[in-house]
Amino acid sequence: MNGAGGYAEIDDYPEVAEAVAAGFGSSEPEDDLEAVFGSPSPQPGILDDQAAPLRRLVEAHRAAPSVQAPPAAPVIAIASGKGGVGKSTIALNLAVASERSCTLVDLDLGTANLDVMCGVSPSRRLDAELFSAGGPDLSRVIVRTPHGFGLIPGAAGIAGAANLDPIQRRHLLGAVQRLGDSGEMVIADLGAGIGPSVVETVAASDLGIIVTTPDPSAIADAYAIVKCVVQHRGDARPLRMGLVVTMAPGRAAGRAAHERIDRVCRRFLGGALPLLGVIRRDERVVQAAQRREPLLAWRGKSHAGKDLRSLAALVSMLAPRQGRASAG
């Protein structure tokens, strides 16, 4: 990526799209945790994930809708192995900058806070629908925000929400996948870590965004969630994931963090993890959180704001017109 701030330029988008479309292979993971901190060279014979033509992305992402399900919006799942890396900031500002009609879902089950970051005070939250007898209908708890997108506030302080059984998780995932119409977009902000709800949602999403910082422990945790998603995969469709590095002092630090994870993913998981963007460290991000406003709602310019807008443009290009749950 050639952007002066570490984010993708328009000319780089096809290359990133090809890598995302290629997805991961099905190699059996080896003993790989040590390699996250080492510097082994990629072994010969690894799948060249950059070789798939761009039209494969278009064909895969724009398949005809199934007659059994109405076209629904694609789901962009945002996850991190470690808390405090800026995952919710990414999700919130992607919703603000989205060129499409967008619904932001707070799936940080138990400790949700996107409503606070948006400056709204919802009367109903996700947990109001979570345990409905007929399954959740998330459209009933959508809150309109001052920033042009709909928000589904997450459960906060509800122990049961953080410990859903497999059937409840499946019903919740299905409800998320039914949100929106073809051509719109659903952004799901997941909890940190490698819990089953996080892993299952990323694996079923149309694009998974893994967020990390250059910190070594955050890098290790980011790789851990990628590994869990790859191990969980339940069908032949490629997993489409990419990495965003936040709080980076500059482009070089962000690229170095990405290269460390990507190298190990190629070696042990059989696939590449493309770099979607580097968000530079910026005090305005903290100020925005204190003001309960998205950074991109401010009129003033900032390094992080520029990086976030570039990331939003790339995500809009990568997201299909309809979700894979409604694709044939």
C-alpha atoms as a PDB file:
ATOM      1  CA  MET A   1       0.000   0.000   0.000  1.00  0.00           C
ATOM      2  CA  ASN A   2       1.401   3.324  -1.021  1.00  0.00           C
ATOM      3  CA  GLY A   3      -0.637   5.942   0.866  1.00  0.00           C
ATOM      4  CA  ALA A   4       1.512   8.467   2.677  1.00  0.00           C
ATOM      5  CA  GLY A   5      -0.485   7.828   5.825  1.00  0.00           C
ATOM      6  CA  GLY A   6      -0.395   4.047   5.534  1.00  0.00           C
ATOM      7  CA  TYR A   7      -3.852   3.617   4.027  1.00  0.00           C
ATOM      8  CA  ALA A   8      -4.793   2.156   0.654  1.00  0.00           C
ATOM      9  CA  GLU A   9      -4.800   4.432  -2.349  1.00  0.00           C
ATOM     10  CA  ILE A  10      -7.458   3.931  -5.012  1.00  0.00           C
ATOM     11  CA  ASP A  11      -4.945   2.246  -7.338  1.00  0.00           C
ATOM     12  CA  ASP A  12      -4.238  -0.376  -4.678  1.00  0.00           C
ATOM     13  CA  TYR A  13      -7.845  -1.449  -4.240  1.00  0.00           C
ATOM     14  CA  PRO A  14      -7.907  -4.174  -6.953  1.00  0.00           C
ATOM     15  CA  GLU A  15      -4.878  -5.895  -5.421  1.00  0.00           C
ATOM     16  CA  VAL A  16      -6.425  -5.838  -1.960  1.00  0.00           C
ATOM     17  CA  ALA A  17      -9.746  -7.038  -3.366  1.00  0.00           C
ATOM     18  CA  GLU A  18      -8.067  -9.999  -5.059  1.00  0.00           C
ATOM     19  CA  ALA A  19      -6.380 -11.015  -1.815  1.00  0.00           C
ATOM     20  CA  VAL A  20      -9.630 -10.752   0.140  1.00  0.00           C
ATOM     21  CA  ALA A  21     -11.489 -12.753  -2.528  1.00  0.00           C
ATOM     22  CA  ALA A  22      -8.912 -15.543  -2.453  1.00  0.00           C
ATOM     23  CA  GLY A  23      -9.630 -16.151   1.221  1.00  0.00           C
ATOM     24  CA  PHE A  24      -7.918 -18.833   3.267  1.00  0.00           C
ATOM     25  CA  GLY A  25      -6.961 -22.354   2.362  1.00  0.00           C
ATOM     26  CA  SER A  26      -7.693 -25.339   4.569  1.00  0.00           C
ATOM     27  CA  SER A  27      -4.199 -26.215   5.813  1.00  0.00           C
ATOM     28  CA  GLU A  28      -4.061 -27.957   9.159  1.00  0.00           C
ATOM     29  CA  PRO A  29      -2.469 -25.501  11.624  1.00  0.00           C
ATOM     30  CA  GLU A  30       0.928 -26.436  13.028  1.00  0.00           C
ATOM     31  CA  ASP A  31       2.594 -25.299  16.236  1.00  0.00           C
ATOM     32  CA  ASP A  32       2.553 -21.647  15.273  1.00  0.00           C
ATOM     33  CA  LEU A  33       2.461 -19.366  18.317  1.00  0.00           C
ATOM     34  CA  GLU A  34       6.239 -19.116  18.445  1.00  0.00           C
ATOM     35  CA  ALA A  35       6.308 -18.008  14.845  1.00  0.00           C
ATOM     36  CA  VAL A  36       4.187 -14.941  15.585  1.00  0.00           C
ATOM     37  CA  PHE A  37       7.180 -13.391  17.304  1.00  0.00           C
ATOM     38  CA  GLY A  38       9.873 -14.924  15.098  1.00  0.00           C
ATOM     39  CA  SER A  39      10.904 -14.070  11.563  1.00  0.00           C
ATOM     40  CA  PRO A  40      10.687 -17.267   9.504  1.00  0.00           C
ATOM     41  CA  SER A  41      10.607 -16.901   5.758  1.00  0.00           C
ATOM     42  CA  PRO A  42       7.478 -18.167   4.000  1.00  0.00           C
ATOM     43  CA  GLN A  43       7.922 -21.743   2.907  1.00  0.00           C
ATOM     44  CA  PRO A  44       7.877 -22.467  -0.850  1.00  0.00           C
ATOM     45  CA  GLY A  45       4.682 -23.807  -2.285  1.00  0.00           C
ATOM     46  CA  ILE A  46       2.375 -21.565  -0.258  1.00  0.00           C
ATOM     47  CA  LEU A  47      -0.772 -20.592  -2.120  1.00  0.00           C
ATOM     48  CA  ASP A  48      -0.271 -17.321  -3.990  1.00  0.00           C
ATOM     49  CA  ASP A  49      -3.334 -15.478  -2.713  1.00  0.00           C
ATOM     50  CA  GLN A  50      -2.708 -12.441  -4.895  1.00  0.00           C
ATOM     51  CA  ALA A  51      -3.188 -14.368  -8.157  1.00  0.00           C
ATOM     52  CA  ALA A  52      -6.993 -14.592  -8.257  1.00  0.00           C
ATOM     53  CA  PRO A  53      -8.447 -12.192 -10.845  1.00  0.00           C
ATOM     54  CA  LEU A  54     -10.547  -9.312  -9.624  1.00  0.00           C
ATOM     55  CA  ARG A  55     -13.572 -10.586 -11.482  1.00  0.00           C
ATOM     56  CA  ARG A  56     -13.637 -13.578  -9.129  1.00  0.00           C
ATOM     57  CA  LEU A  57     -14.382 -11.134  -6.327  1.00  0.00           C
ATOM     58  CA  VAL A  58     -17.205  -9.587  -8.327  1.00  0.00           C
ATOM     59  CA  GLU A  59     -18.666 -12.980  -9.263  1.00  0.00           C
ATOM     60  CA  ALA A  60     -18.435 -14.313  -5.720  1.00  0.00           C
ATOM     61  CA  HIS A  61     -19.816 -11.184  -4.093  1.00  0.00           C
ATOM     62  CA  ARG A  62     -22.629 -10.513  -6.564  1.00  0.00           C
ATOM     63  CA  ALA A  63     -24.123 -13.944  -7.004  1.00  0.00           C
ATOM     64  CA  ALA A  64     -27.806 -14.136  -7.867  1.00  0.00           C
ATOM     65  CA  PRO A  65     -30.098 -14.211  -4.819  1.00  0.00           C
ATOM     66  CA  SER A  66     -31.610 -17.503  -3.764  1.00  0.00           C
ATOM     67  CA  VAL A  67     -35.318 -17.946  -4.414  1.00  0.00           C
ATOM     68  CA  GLN A  68     -35.548 -19.228  -0.849  1.00  0.00           C
ATOM     69  CA  ALA A  69     -34.435 -15.997   0.834  1.00  0.00           C
ATOM     70  CA  PRO A  70     -34.934 -12.320  -0.026  1.00  0.00           C
ATOM     71  CA  PRO A  71     -31.745 -10.381  -0.753  1.00  0.00           C
ATOM     72  CA  ALA A  72     -30.290  -8.961   2.453  1.00  0.00           C
ATOM     73  CA  ALA A  73     -27.464  -6.576   3.201  1.00  0.00           C
ATOM     74  CA  PRO A  74     -23.899  -7.889   3.565  1.00  0.00           C
ATOM     75  CA  VAL A  75     -22.509  -8.212   7.079  1.00  0.00           C
ATOM     76  CA  ILE A  76     -19.153  -6.617   7.889  1.00  0.00           C
ATOM     77  CA  ALA A  77     -17.897  -8.144  11.154  1.00  0.00           C
ATOM     78  CA  ILE A  78     -15.297  -6.221  13.152  1.00  0.00           C
ATOM     79  CA  ALA A  79     -13.374  -8.165  15.763  1.00  0.00           C
ATOM     80  CA  SER A  80     -10.187  -8.095  17.789  1.00  0.00           C
ATOM     81  CA  GLY A  81      -8.335 -10.597  19.876  1.00  0.00           C
ATOM     82  CA  LYS A  82      -7.559  -7.978  22.509  1.00  0.00           C
ATOM     83  CA  GLY A  83      -9.703  -5.252  24.016  1.00  0.00           C
ATOM     84  CA  GLY A  84      -8.792  -1.575  23.870  1.00  0.00           C
ATOM     85  CA  VAL A  85      -7.389  -1.597  20.337  1.00  0.00           C
ATOM     86  CA  GLY A  86      -9.992   0.750  18.826  1.00  0.00           C
ATOM     87  CA  LYS A  87     -12.367  -1.822  17.359  1.00  0.00           C
ATOM     88  CA  SER A  88     -15.524   0.097  18.257  1.00  0.00           C
ATOM     89  CA  THR A  89     -14.001   3.327  16.951  1.00  0.00           C
ATOM     90  CA  ILE A  90     -13.450   1.607  13.599  1.00  0.00           C
ATOM     91  CA  ALA A  91     -17.015   0.251  13.523  1.00  0.00           C
ATOM     92  CA  LEU A  92     -18.603   3.574  14.475  1.00  0.00           C
ATOM     93  CA  ASN A  93     -16.683   5.662  11.982  1.00  0.00           C
ATOM     94  CA  LEU A  94     -17.191   3.171   9.154  1.00  0.00           C
ATOM     95  CA  ALA A  95     -20.928   3.608   9.740  1.00  0.00           C
ATOM     96  CA  VAL A  96     -20.587   7.389   9.656  1.00  0.00           C
ATOM     97  CA  ALA A  97     -18.563   7.370   6.434  1.00  0.00           C
ATOM     98  CA  SER A  98     -20.488   4.609   4.644  1.00  0.00           C
ATOM     99  CA  GLU A  99     -21.711   5.551   1.180  1.00  0.00           C
ATOM    100  CA  ARG A 100     -24.601   3.130   1.640  1.00  0.00           C
ATOM    101  CA  SER A 101     -27.544   3.059   3.981  1.00  0.00           C
ATOM    102  CA  CYS A 102     -26.070   1.381   7.042  1.00  0.00           C
ATOM    103  CA  THR A 103     -27.091  -0.375  10.248  1.00  0.00           C
ATOM    104  CA  LEU A 104     -24.558  -0.642  13.064  1.00  0.00           C
ATOM    105  CA  VAL A 105     -25.101  -3.568  15.445  1.00  0.00           C
ATOM    106  CA  ASP A 106     -23.420  -3.624  18.845  1.00  0.00           C
ATOM    107  CA  LEU A 107     -22.684  -7.318  19.372  1.00  0.00           C
ATOM    108  CA  ASP A 108     -20.306  -6.790  22.266  1.00  0.00           C
ATOM    109  CA  LEU A 109     -22.588  -8.955  24.372  1.00  0.00           C
ATOM    110  CA  GLY A 110     -22.694  -7.813  27.977  1.00  0.00           C
ATOM    111  CA  THR A 111     -20.521  -4.666  27.833  1.00  0.00           C
ATOM    112  CA  ALA A 112     -21.902  -2.721  24.863  1.00  0.00           C
ATOM    113  CA  ASN A 113     -21.094   0.991  24.584  1.00  0.00           C
ATOM    114  CA  LEU A 114     -21.712   2.184  21.019  1.00  0.00           C
ATOM    115  CA  ASP A 115     -24.773   4.106  22.180  1.00  0.00           C
ATOM    116  CA  VAL A 116     -22.529   6.075  24.527  1.00  0.00           C
ATOM    117  CA  MET A 117     -20.045   6.736  21.730  1.00  0.00           C
ATOM    118  CA  CYS A 118     -22.910   7.912  19.490  1.00  0.00           C
ATOM    119  CA  GLY A 119     -24.361  10.209  22.105  1.00  0.00           C
ATOM    120  CA  VAL A 120     -27.773   8.501  22.180  1.00  0.00           C
ATOM    121  CA  SER A 121     -29.813   7.132  25.079  1.00  0.00           C
ATOM    122  CA  PRO A 122     -31.859   4.148  23.858  1.00  0.00           C
ATOM    123  CA  SER A 123     -34.997   2.994  25.640  1.00  0.00           C
ATOM    124  CA  ARG A 124     -34.628  -0.571  24.326  1.00  0.00           C
ATOM    125  CA  ARG A 125     -31.559  -2.683  23.677  1.00  0.00           C
ATOM    126  CA  LEU A 126     -30.579  -5.923  22.019  1.00  0.00           C
ATOM    127  CA  ASP A 127     -31.498  -7.949  25.104  1.00  0.00           C
ATOM    128  CA  ALA A 128     -35.140  -6.910  24.681  1.00  0.00           C
ATOM    129  CA  GLU A 129     -35.257  -9.194  21.631  1.00  0.00           C
ATOM    130  CA  LEU A 130     -32.468 -11.618  22.416  1.00  0.00           C
ATOM    131  CA  PHE A 131     -34.589 -14.141  24.261  1.00  0.00           C
ATOM    132  CA  SER A 132     -37.841 -13.782  22.316  1.00  0.00           C
ATOM    133  CA  ALA A 133     -39.702 -17.061  21.899  1.00  0.00           C
ATOM    134  CA  GLY A 134     -39.838 -16.766  18.118  1.00  0.00           C
ATOM    135  CA  GLY A 135     -36.259 -15.576  17.818  1.00  0.00           C
ATOM    136  CA  PRO A 136     -34.992 -11.983  17.833  1.00  0.00           C
ATOM    137  CA  ASP A 137     -36.328  -9.336  15.457  1.00  0.00           C
ATOM    138  CA  LEU A 138     -33.606  -6.699  15.613  1.00  0.00           C
ATOM    139  CA  SER A 139     -35.543  -4.233  13.488  1.00  0.00           C
ATOM    140  CA  ARG A 140     -37.678  -3.551  16.576  1.00  0.00           C
ATOM    141  CA  VAL A 141     -34.779  -2.025  18.506  1.00  0.00           C
ATOM    142  CA  ILE A 142     -33.122   0.106  15.809  1.00  0.00           C
ATOM    143  CA  VAL A 143     -32.394   3.637  17.003  1.00  0.00           C
ATOM    144  CA  ARG A 144     -31.863   6.443  14.499  1.00  0.00           C
ATOM    145  CA  THR A 145     -28.692   8.378  15.253  1.00  0.00           C
ATOM    146  CA  PRO A 146     -27.823  11.997  14.465  1.00  0.00           C
ATOM    147  CA  HIS A 147     -25.137  10.681  12.113  1.00  0.00           C
ATOM    148  CA  GLY A 148     -27.363   9.141   9.456  1.00  0.00           C
ATOM    149  CA  PHE A 149     -27.258   5.440  10.323  1.00  0.00           C
ATOM    150  CA  GLY A 150     -29.369   3.102  12.407  1.00  0.00           C
ATOM    151  CA  LEU A 151     -27.946   1.661  15.634  1.00  0.00           C
ATOM    152  CA  ILE A 152     -28.960  -1.527  17.406  1.00  0.00           C
ATOM    153  CA  PRO A 153     -27.729  -0.896  20.967  1.00  0.00           C
ATOM    154  CA  GLY A 154     -26.130  -3.908  22.571  1.00  0.00           C
ATOM    155  CA  ALA A 155     -26.816  -5.554  25.906  1.00  0.00           C
ATOM    156  CA  ALA A 156     -25.046  -3.948  28.848  1.00  0.00           C
ATOM    157  CA  GLY A 157     -24.649  -5.668  32.193  1.00  0.00           C
ATOM    158  CA  ILE A 158     -26.862  -8.650  31.246  1.00  0.00           C
ATOM    159  CA  ALA A 159     -25.070 -11.843  32.284  1.00  0.00           C
ATOM    160  CA  GLY A 160     -27.273 -14.090  30.157  1.00  0.00           C
ATOM    161  CA  ALA A 161     -26.440 -12.137  27.011  1.00  0.00           C
ATOM    162  CA  ALA A 162     -22.763 -12.910  27.423  1.00  0.00           C
ATOM    163  CA  ASN A 163     -23.376 -16.653  27.730  1.00  0.00           C
ATOM    164  CA  LEU A 164     -25.674 -17.626  24.869  1.00  0.00           C
ATOM    165  CA  ASP A 165     -26.099 -21.294  24.059  1.00  0.00           C
ATOM    166  CA  PRO A 166     -25.500 -22.560  20.488  1.00  0.00           C
ATOM    167  CA  ILE A 167     -29.158 -22.271  19.466  1.00  0.00           C
ATOM    168  CA  GLN A 168     -29.422 -18.715  20.788  1.00  0.00           C
ATOM    169  CA  ARG A 169     -26.225 -17.747  18.977  1.00  0.00           C
ATOM    170  CA  ARG A 170     -27.560 -19.222  15.737  1.00  0.00           C
ATOM    171  CA  HIS A 171     -30.837 -17.306  16.083  1.00  0.00           C
ATOM    172  CA  LEU A 172     -28.966 -14.061  16.788  1.00  0.00           C
ATOM    173  CA  LEU A 173     -26.660 -14.521  13.806  1.00  0.00           C
ATOM    174  CA  GLY A 174     -29.641 -15.218  11.573  1.00  0.00           C
ATOM    175  CA  ALA A 175     -31.333 -12.040  12.807  1.00  0.00           C
ATOM    176  CA  VAL A 176     -28.226 -10.000  11.987  1.00  0.00           C
ATOM    177  CA  GLN A 177     -28.046 -11.527   8.509  1.00  0.00           C
ATOM    178  CA  ARG A 178     -31.672 -10.577   7.837  1.00  0.00           C
ATOM    179  CA  LEU A 179     -31.085  -6.901   8.541  1.00  0.00           C
ATOM    180  CA  GLY A 180     -31.213  -4.407   5.725  1.00  0.00           C
ATOM    181  CA  ASP A 181     -31.822  -4.796   2.020  1.00  0.00           C
ATOM    182  CA  SER A 182     -29.580  -5.594  -0.907  1.00  0.00           C
ATOM    183  CA  GLY A 183     -27.275  -2.646  -1.575  1.00  0.00           C
ATOM    184  CA  GLU A 184     -27.193  -1.566   2.067  1.00  0.00           C
ATOM    185  CA  MET A 185     -24.649  -2.640   4.683  1.00  0.00           C
ATOM    186  CA  VAL A 186     -24.670  -4.087   8.202  1.00  0.00           C
ATOM    187  CA  ILE A 187     -21.650  -3.441  10.416  1.00  0.00           C
ATOM    188  CA  ALA A 188     -21.366  -5.729  13.445  1.00  0.00           C
ATOM    189  CA  ASP A 189     -19.092  -4.600  16.269  1.00  0.00           C
ATOM    190  CA  LEU A 190     -18.143  -7.785  18.124  1.00  0.00           C
ATOM    191  CA  GLY A 191     -16.722  -8.284  21.566  1.00  0.00           C
ATOM    192  CA  ALA A 192     -12.994  -8.748  22.023  1.00  0.00           C
ATOM    193  CA  GLY A 193     -11.498 -12.224  22.268  1.00  0.00           C
ATOM    194  CA  ILE A 194     -12.147 -15.629  20.753  1.00  0.00           C
ATOM    195  CA  GLY A 195     -15.539 -16.496  22.227  1.00  0.00           C
ATOM    196  CA  PRO A 196     -17.868 -18.665  20.136  1.00  0.00           C
ATOM    197  CA  SER A 197     -20.215 -15.807  19.222  1.00  0.00           C
ATOM    198  CA  VAL A 198     -17.294 -13.767  17.870  1.00  0.00           C
ATOM    199  CA  VAL A 199     -15.736 -16.615  15.917  1.00  0.00           C
ATOM    200  CA  GLU A 200     -19.034 -17.805  14.421  1.00  0.00           C
ATOM    201  CA  THR A 201     -20.038 -14.302  13.320  1.00  0.00           C
ATOM    202  CA  VAL A 202     -16.721 -13.556  11.622  1.00  0.00           C
ATOM    203  CA  ALA A 203     -16.790 -16.939   9.883  1.00  0.00           C
ATOM    204  CA  ALA A 204     -20.308 -16.264   8.539  1.00  0.00           C
ATOM    205  CA  SER A 205     -19.693 -12.647   7.548  1.00  0.00           C
ATOM    206  CA  ASP A 206     -19.181 -11.205   4.088  1.00  0.00           C
ATOM    207  CA  LEU A 207     -16.049  -9.435   5.276  1.00  0.00           C
ATOM    208  CA  GLY A 208     -14.235  -9.876   8.572  1.00  0.00           C
ATOM    209  CA  ILE A 209     -12.075  -6.994   9.774  1.00  0.00           C
ATOM    210  CA  ILE A 210      -9.528  -7.969  12.412  1.00  0.00           C
ATOM    211  CA  VAL A 211      -8.231  -5.010  14.415  1.00  0.00           C
ATOM    212  CA  THR A 212      -4.883  -4.847  16.192  1.00  0.00           C
ATOM    213  CA  THR A 213      -2.268  -2.375  17.334  1.00  0.00           C
ATOM    214  CA  PRO A 214       1.502  -2.759  16.802  1.00  0.00           C
ATOM    215  CA  ASP A 215       1.784  -4.005  20.401  1.00  0.00           C
ATOM    216  CA  PRO A 216       3.198  -7.576  20.447  1.00  0.00           C
ATOM    217  CA  SER A 217       0.438  -8.947  22.687  1.00  0.00           C
ATOM    218  CA  ALA A 218      -2.245  -7.430  20.448  1.00  0.00           C
ATOM    219  CA  ILE A 219      -0.557  -8.951  17.395  1.00  0.00           C
ATOM    220  CA  ALA A 220      -0.521 -12.389  19.021  1.00  0.00           C
ATOM    221  CA  ASP A 221      -4.179 -12.078  19.996  1.00  0.00           C
ATOM    222  CA  ALA A 222      -5.135 -10.931  16.491  1.00  0.00           C
ATOM    223  CA  TYR A 223      -3.495 -14.001  15.017  1.00  0.00           C
ATOM    224  CA  ALA A 224      -5.311 -16.165  17.577  1.00  0.00           C
ATOM    225  CA  ILE A 225      -8.722 -14.989  16.402  1.00  0.00           C
ATOM    226  CA  VAL A 226      -7.810 -15.509  12.734  1.00  0.00           C
ATOM    227  CA  LYS A 227      -6.693 -19.043  13.554  1.00  0.00           C
ATOM    228  CA  CYS A 228      -9.930 -19.785  15.440  1.00  0.00           C
ATOM    229  CA  VAL A 229     -12.065 -18.495  12.561  1.00  0.00           C
ATOM    230  CA  VAL A 230     -10.144 -20.603  10.033  1.00  0.00           C
ATOM    231  CA  GLN A 231     -10.533 -23.700  12.222  1.00  0.00           C
ATOM    232  CA  HIS A 232     -14.249 -23.017  12.652  1.00  0.00           C
ATOM    233  CA  ARG A 233     -15.075 -22.579   8.958  1.00  0.00           C
ATOM    234  CA  GLY A 234     -18.001 -24.775   8.064  1.00  0.00           C
ATOM    235  CA  ASP A 235     -18.389 -24.558   4.281  1.00  0.00           C
ATOM    236  CA  ALA A 236     -16.376 -24.331   1.088  1.00  0.00           C
ATOM    237  CA  ARG A 237     -16.833 -20.604   0.534  1.00  0.00           C
ATOM    238  CA  PRO A 238     -13.613 -18.635   1.110  1.00  0.00           C
ATOM    239  CA  LEU A 239     -13.253 -16.734   4.349  1.00  0.00           C
ATOM    240  CA  ARG A 240     -12.839 -13.070   3.484  1.00  0.00           C
ATOM    241  CA  MET A 241     -10.815 -11.257   6.118  1.00  0.00           C
ATOM    242  CA  GLY A 242      -8.419  -8.360   6.314  1.00  0.00           C
ATOM    243  CA  LEU A 243      -6.384  -6.549   8.964  1.00  0.00           C
ATOM    244  CA  VAL A 244      -6.553  -2.975  10.256  1.00  0.00           C
ATOM    245  CA  VAL A 245      -3.701  -1.709  12.420  1.00  0.00           C
ATOM    246  CA  THR A 246      -4.684   1.111  14.771  1.00  0.00           C
ATOM    247  CA  MET A 247      -2.767   3.493  17.065  1.00  0.00           C
ATOM    248  CA  ALA A 248       0.266   3.203  14.805  1.00  0.00           C
ATOM    249  CA  PRO A 249       2.974   5.873  15.150  1.00  0.00           C
ATOM    250  CA  GLY A 250       3.323   5.764  11.372  1.00  0.00           C
ATOM    251  CA  ARG A 251       3.018   3.755   8.208  1.00  0.00           C
ATOM    252  CA  ALA A 252       6.122   1.655   8.802  1.00  0.00           C
ATOM    253  CA  ALA A 253       4.963   0.427  12.204  1.00  0.00           C
ATOM    254  CA  GLY A 254       1.560  -0.517  10.827  1.00  0.00           C
ATOM    255  CA  ARG A 255       3.032  -2.403   7.895  1.00  0.00           C
ATOM    256  CA  ALA A 256       5.471  -4.222  10.153  1.00  0.00           C
ATOM    257  CA  ALA A 257       2.629  -5.423  12.391  1.00  0.00           C
ATOM    258  CA  HIS A 258       0.685  -6.608   9.355  1.00  0.00           C
ATOM    259  CA  GLU A 259       3.655  -8.377   7.811  1.00  0.00           C
ATOM    260  CA  ARG A 260       4.275 -10.323  11.017  1.00  0.00           C
ATOM    261  CA  ILE A 261       0.710 -11.657  11.144  1.00  0.00           C
ATOM    262  CA  ASP A 262       0.394 -12.183   7.398  1.00  0.00           C
ATOM    263  CA  ARG A 263       3.632 -14.148   7.238  1.00  0.00           C
ATOM    264  CA  VAL A 264       2.446 -16.573   9.903  1.00  0.00           C
ATOM    265  CA  CYS A 265      -1.047 -16.841   8.349  1.00  0.00           C
ATOM    266  CA  ARG A 266       0.507 -17.819   5.024  1.00  0.00           C
ATOM    267  CA  ARG A 267       2.807 -20.348   6.617  1.00  0.00           C
ATOM    268  CA  PHE A 268       0.434 -22.059   9.022  1.00  0.00           C
ATOM    269  CA  LEU A 269      -3.102 -21.274   7.826  1.00  0.00           C
ATOM    270  CA  GLY A 270      -2.634 -21.458   4.062  1.00  0.00           C
ATOM    271  CA  GLY A 271      -3.898 -17.961   3.252  1.00  0.00           C
ATOM    272  CA  ALA A 272      -3.063 -14.283   3.250  1.00  0.00           C
ATOM    273  CA  LEU A 273      -4.470 -11.634   5.565  1.00  0.00           C
ATOM    274  CA  PRO A 274      -4.490  -8.441   3.457  1.00  0.00           C
ATOM    275  CA  LEU A 275      -3.786  -5.088   5.061  1.00  0.00           C
ATOM    276  CA  LEU A 276      -6.931  -2.966   4.720  1.00  0.00           C
ATOM    277  CA  GLY A 277      -5.592   0.092   6.466  1.00  0.00           C
ATOM    278  CA  VAL A 278      -3.369   1.717   9.047  1.00  0.00           C
ATOM    279  CA  ILE A 279      -4.993   4.208  11.416  1.00  0.00           C
ATOM    280  CA  ARG A 280      -2.399   6.556  12.836  1.00  0.00           C
ATOM    281  CA  ARG A 281      -2.289   7.474  16.501  1.00  0.00           C
ATOM    282  CA  ASP A 282      -4.233  10.692  16.968  1.00  0.00           C
ATOM    283  CA  GLU A 283      -5.273  12.528  20.132  1.00  0.00           C
ATOM    284  CA  ARG A 284      -8.473  13.597  18.392  1.00  0.00           C
ATOM    285  CA  VAL A 285      -9.741  10.001  18.648  1.00  0.00           C
ATOM    286  CA  VAL A 286      -9.650  10.274  22.447  1.00  0.00           C
ATOM    287  CA  GLN A 287     -11.242  13.719  22.333  1.00  0.00           C
ATOM    288  CA  ALA A 288     -14.074  12.423  20.159  1.00  0.00           C
ATOM    289  CA  ALA A 289     -14.778   9.616  22.628  1.00  0.00           C
ATOM    290  CA  GLN A 290     -14.894  12.103  25.490  1.00  0.00           C
ATOM    291  CA  ARG A 291     -17.359  14.250  23.533  1.00  0.00           C
ATOM    292  CA  ARG A 292     -19.494  11.173  22.722  1.00  0.00           C
ATOM    293  CA  GLU A 293     -19.145  11.878  19.017  1.00  0.00           C
ATOM    294  CA  PRO A 294     -17.675   9.875  16.123  1.00  0.00           C
ATOM    295  CA  LEU A 295     -14.368  11.318  14.968  1.00  0.00           C
ATOM    296  CA  LEU A 296     -15.678  11.678  11.420  1.00  0.00           C
ATOM    297  CA  ALA A 297     -18.601  13.799  12.655  1.00  0.00           C
ATOM    298  CA  TRP A 298     -16.111  16.578  13.395  1.00  0.00           C
ATOM    299  CA  ARG A 299     -15.417  19.193  10.774  1.00  0.00           C
ATOM    300  CA  GLY A 300     -11.749  19.509  11.628  1.00  0.00           C
ATOM    301  CA  LYS A 301      -9.138  17.466   9.775  1.00  0.00           C
ATOM    302  CA  SER A 302      -7.044  14.795  11.456  1.00  0.00           C
ATOM    303  CA  HIS A 303      -4.597  12.080  10.460  1.00  0.00           C
ATOM    304  CA  ALA A 304      -6.813   9.346  11.894  1.00  0.00           C
ATOM    305  CA  GLY A 305      -9.878  10.837  10.210  1.00  0.00           C
ATOM    306  CA  LYS A 306      -8.171  10.744   6.825  1.00  0.00           C
ATOM    307  CA  ASP A 307      -7.155   7.130   7.393  1.00  0.00           C
ATOM    308  CA  LEU A 308     -10.667   6.146   8.484  1.00  0.00           C
ATOM    309  CA  ARG A 309     -12.262   7.699   5.395  1.00  0.00           C
ATOM    310  CA  SER A 310      -9.877   5.791   3.166  1.00  0.00           C
ATOM    311  CA  LEU A 311     -10.698   2.570   5.015  1.00  0.00           C
ATOM    312  CA  ALA A 312     -14.427   3.257   4.637  1.00  0.00           C
ATOM    313  CA  ALA A 313     -14.024   3.723   0.877  1.00  0.00           C
ATOM    314  CA  LEU A 314     -12.170   0.418   0.605  1.00  0.00           C
ATOM    315  CA  VAL A 315     -14.748  -1.461   2.695  1.00  0.00           C
ATOM    316  CA  SER A 316     -17.554  -0.047   0.571  1.00  0.00           C
ATOM    317  CA  MET A 317     -15.805  -1.363  -2.524  1.00  0.00           C
ATOM    318  CA  LEU A 318     -15.136  -4.800  -1.008  1.00  0.00           C
ATOM    319  CA  ALA A 319     -18.626  -5.306   0.409  1.00  0.00           C
ATOM    320  CA  PRO A 320     -20.966  -7.161  -1.969  1.00  0.00           C
ATOM    321  CA  ARG A 321     -24.372  -5.779  -2.850  1.00  0.00           C
ATOM    322  CA  GLN A 322     -26.095  -8.557  -0.912  1.00  0.00           C
ATOM    323  CA  GLY A 323     -25.157 -10.829   1.961  1.00  0.00           C
ATOM    324  CA  ARG A 324     -23.908 -14.350   1.459  1.00  0.00           C
ATOM    325  CA  ALA A 325     -26.737 -15.643   3.650  1.00  0.00           C
ATOM    326  CA  SER A 326     -29.167 -14.710   0.865  1.00  0.00           C
ATOM    327  CA  ALA A 327     -26.894 -15.671  -2.035  1.00  0.00           C
ATOM    328  CA  GLY A 328     -27.303 -18.850  -4.016  1.00  0.00           C
END
